[in-house]
Amino acid sequence: MIFTLFIGVNNFFLGPVYANMNKKSLIFLKSILISSILSLISSYFLIRYFSYGPALSFLFSEFVLLVVLSYSLRFKYGFSS
C-alpha cells in the first residue's frame, strides 16, 4: 500500500494541479472514468478470489490513472512534467 501513496501524489499533481491549470480538465475527467470502470471490474474479480483483493484493486486503479494521465498529457497534448 505504500506504493499507492507515491502514485497518488503523482496523480494529484498531474490531475487537479497540472491539467486544470492548463485548461485540460477534460483529460482528467476521462482518465478518472477509465480508471473507475477498470477498478470496478478488477474489484469484482479480485475481491471474489483473493483476501487481499481490495488492496490490489486500489493499487491497480491508481496505477491505471497515472498511466492514462501521463500518456494523454505527454504524448497526446505535448505537455511534459
C-alpha atoms as a PDB file:
ATOM      1  CA  MET A   1       0.000   0.000   0.000  1.00  0.00           C
ATOM      2  CA  ILE A   2       2.977   2.336   0.342  1.00  0.00           C
ATOM      3  CA  PHE A   3       3.247   2.374  -3.455  1.00  0.00           C
ATOM      4  CA  THR A   4      -0.226   3.874  -3.720  1.00  0.00           C
ATOM      5  CA  LEU A   5       0.968   6.873  -1.714  1.00  0.00           C
ATOM      6  CA  PHE A   6       3.612   7.737  -4.296  1.00  0.00           C
ATOM      7  CA  ILE A   7       1.293   7.000  -7.197  1.00  0.00           C
ATOM      8  CA  GLY A   8      -1.497   9.055  -5.602  1.00  0.00           C
ATOM      9  CA  VAL A   9       0.751  12.072  -5.115  1.00  0.00           C
ATOM     10  CA  ASN A  10       1.778  11.907  -8.776  1.00  0.00           C
ATOM     11  CA  ASN A  11      -1.869  11.582  -9.778  1.00  0.00           C
ATOM     12  CA  PHE A  12      -2.698  14.677  -7.753  1.00  0.00           C
ATOM     13  CA  PHE A  13      -0.013  16.763  -9.392  1.00  0.00           C
ATOM     14  CA  LEU A  14      -0.835  15.546 -12.897  1.00  0.00           C
ATOM     15  CA  GLY A  15      -4.607  15.747 -12.480  1.00  0.00           C
ATOM     16  CA  PRO A  16      -6.117  18.598 -10.495  1.00  0.00           C
ATOM     17  CA  VAL A  17      -2.984  20.700 -10.376  1.00  0.00           C
ATOM     18  CA  TYR A  18      -1.355  20.318 -13.793  1.00  0.00           C
ATOM     19  CA  ALA A  19      -4.286  19.530 -16.084  1.00  0.00           C
ATOM     20  CA  ASN A  20      -6.667  22.066 -14.579  1.00  0.00           C
ATOM     21  CA  MET A  21      -4.089  24.840 -14.562  1.00  0.00           C
ATOM     22  CA  ASN A  22      -3.526  24.268 -18.286  1.00  0.00           C
ATOM     23  CA  LYS A  23      -7.264  24.187 -19.106  1.00  0.00           C
ATOM     24  CA  LYS A  24      -7.225  20.444 -19.819  1.00  0.00           C
ATOM     25  CA  SER A  25      -9.681  19.263 -17.155  1.00  0.00           C
ATOM     26  CA  LEU A  26     -11.496  17.062 -19.688  1.00  0.00           C
ATOM     27  CA  ILE A  27      -8.384  14.866 -19.766  1.00  0.00           C
ATOM     28  CA  PHE A  28      -8.650  14.437 -16.010  1.00  0.00           C
ATOM     29  CA  LEU A  29     -12.343  13.531 -16.249  1.00  0.00           C
ATOM     30  CA  LYS A  30     -11.759  10.915 -18.941  1.00  0.00           C
ATOM     31  CA  SER A  31      -8.841   9.459 -17.006  1.00  0.00           C
ATOM     32  CA  ILE A  32     -10.921   9.117 -13.856  1.00  0.00           C
ATOM     33  CA  LEU A  33     -13.755   7.482 -15.782  1.00  0.00           C
ATOM     34  CA  ILE A  34     -11.427   4.915 -17.360  1.00  0.00           C
ATOM     35  CA  SER A  35      -9.763   4.224 -14.025  1.00  0.00           C
ATOM     36  CA  SER A  36     -13.046   3.849 -12.149  1.00  0.00           C
ATOM     37  CA  ILE A  37     -14.527   1.433 -14.688  1.00  0.00           C
ATOM     38  CA  LEU A  38     -11.406  -0.725 -14.576  1.00  0.00           C
ATOM     39  CA  SER A  39     -11.438  -0.501 -10.781  1.00  0.00           C
ATOM     40  CA  LEU A  40     -14.988  -1.824 -10.614  1.00  0.00           C
ATOM     41  CA  ILE A  41     -14.143  -4.712 -12.915  1.00  0.00           C
ATOM     42  CA  SER A  42     -10.952  -5.599 -11.063  1.00  0.00           C
ATOM     43  CA  SER A  43     -12.694  -5.281  -7.695  1.00  0.00           C
ATOM     44  CA  TYR A  44     -15.346  -7.737  -8.745  1.00  0.00           C
ATOM     45  CA  PHE A  45     -12.815 -10.408  -9.666  1.00  0.00           C
ATOM     46  CA  LEU A  46     -10.059  -9.756  -7.119  1.00  0.00           C
ATOM     47  CA  ILE A  47     -12.290  -9.464  -4.050  1.00  0.00           C
ATOM     48  CA  ARG A  48     -14.024 -12.657  -5.011  1.00  0.00           C
ATOM     49  CA  TYR A  49     -10.880 -14.780  -5.251  1.00  0.00           C
ATOM     50  CA  PHE A  50      -8.237 -13.157  -3.019  1.00  0.00           C
ATOM     51  CA  SER A  51      -8.270 -11.947   0.567  1.00  0.00           C
ATOM     52  CA  TYR A  52      -6.013  -9.022  -0.372  1.00  0.00           C
ATOM     53  CA  GLY A  53      -8.112  -8.202  -3.433  1.00  0.00           C
ATOM     54  CA  PRO A  54      -9.299  -4.751  -2.320  1.00  0.00           C
ATOM     55  CA  ALA A  55      -5.728  -3.547  -1.859  1.00  0.00           C
ATOM     56  CA  LEU A  56      -4.681  -4.899  -5.231  1.00  0.00           C
ATOM     57  CA  SER A  57      -7.707  -3.361  -6.886  1.00  0.00           C
ATOM     58  CA  PHE A  58      -6.947   0.036  -5.364  1.00  0.00           C
ATOM     59  CA  LEU A  59      -3.305  -0.180  -6.412  1.00  0.00           C
ATOM     60  CA  PHE A  60      -4.323  -1.197  -9.934  1.00  0.00           C
ATOM     61  CA  SER A  61      -6.800   1.655 -10.310  1.00  0.00           C
ATOM     62  CA  GLU A  62      -4.300   4.253  -9.077  1.00  0.00           C
ATOM     63  CA  PHE A  63      -1.668   2.902 -11.436  1.00  0.00           C
ATOM     64  CA  VAL A  64      -4.079   2.954 -14.387  1.00  0.00           C
ATOM     65  CA  LEU A  65      -4.978   6.558 -13.558  1.00  0.00           C
ATOM     66  CA  LEU A  66      -1.297   7.508 -13.512  1.00  0.00           C
ATOM     67  CA  VAL A  67      -0.597   5.791 -16.832  1.00  0.00           C
ATOM     68  CA  VAL A  68      -3.619   7.290 -18.586  1.00  0.00           C
ATOM     69  CA  LEU A  69      -2.901  10.801 -17.264  1.00  0.00           C
ATOM     70  CA  SER A  70       0.771  10.591 -18.156  1.00  0.00           C
ATOM     71  CA  TYR A  71       0.087   9.233 -21.631  1.00  0.00           C
ATOM     72  CA  SER A  72      -2.611  11.718 -22.518  1.00  0.00           C
ATOM     73  CA  LEU A  73      -0.753  14.749 -21.176  1.00  0.00           C
ATOM     74  CA  ARG A  74       2.609  13.866 -22.617  1.00  0.00           C
ATOM     75  CA  PHE A  75       2.011  12.192 -25.957  1.00  0.00           C
ATOM     76  CA  LYS A  76      -1.409  13.384 -26.996  1.00  0.00           C
ATOM     77  CA  TYR A  77      -1.131  17.043 -25.937  1.00  0.00           C
ATOM     78  CA  GLY A  78       2.619  17.561 -25.812  1.00  0.00           C
ATOM     79  CA  PHE A  79       2.916  18.518 -22.147  1.00  0.00           C
ATOM     80  CA  SER A  80       5.885  17.366 -20.128  1.00  0.00           C
ATOM     81  CA  SER A  81       6.043  17.129 -16.393  1.00  0.00           C
END
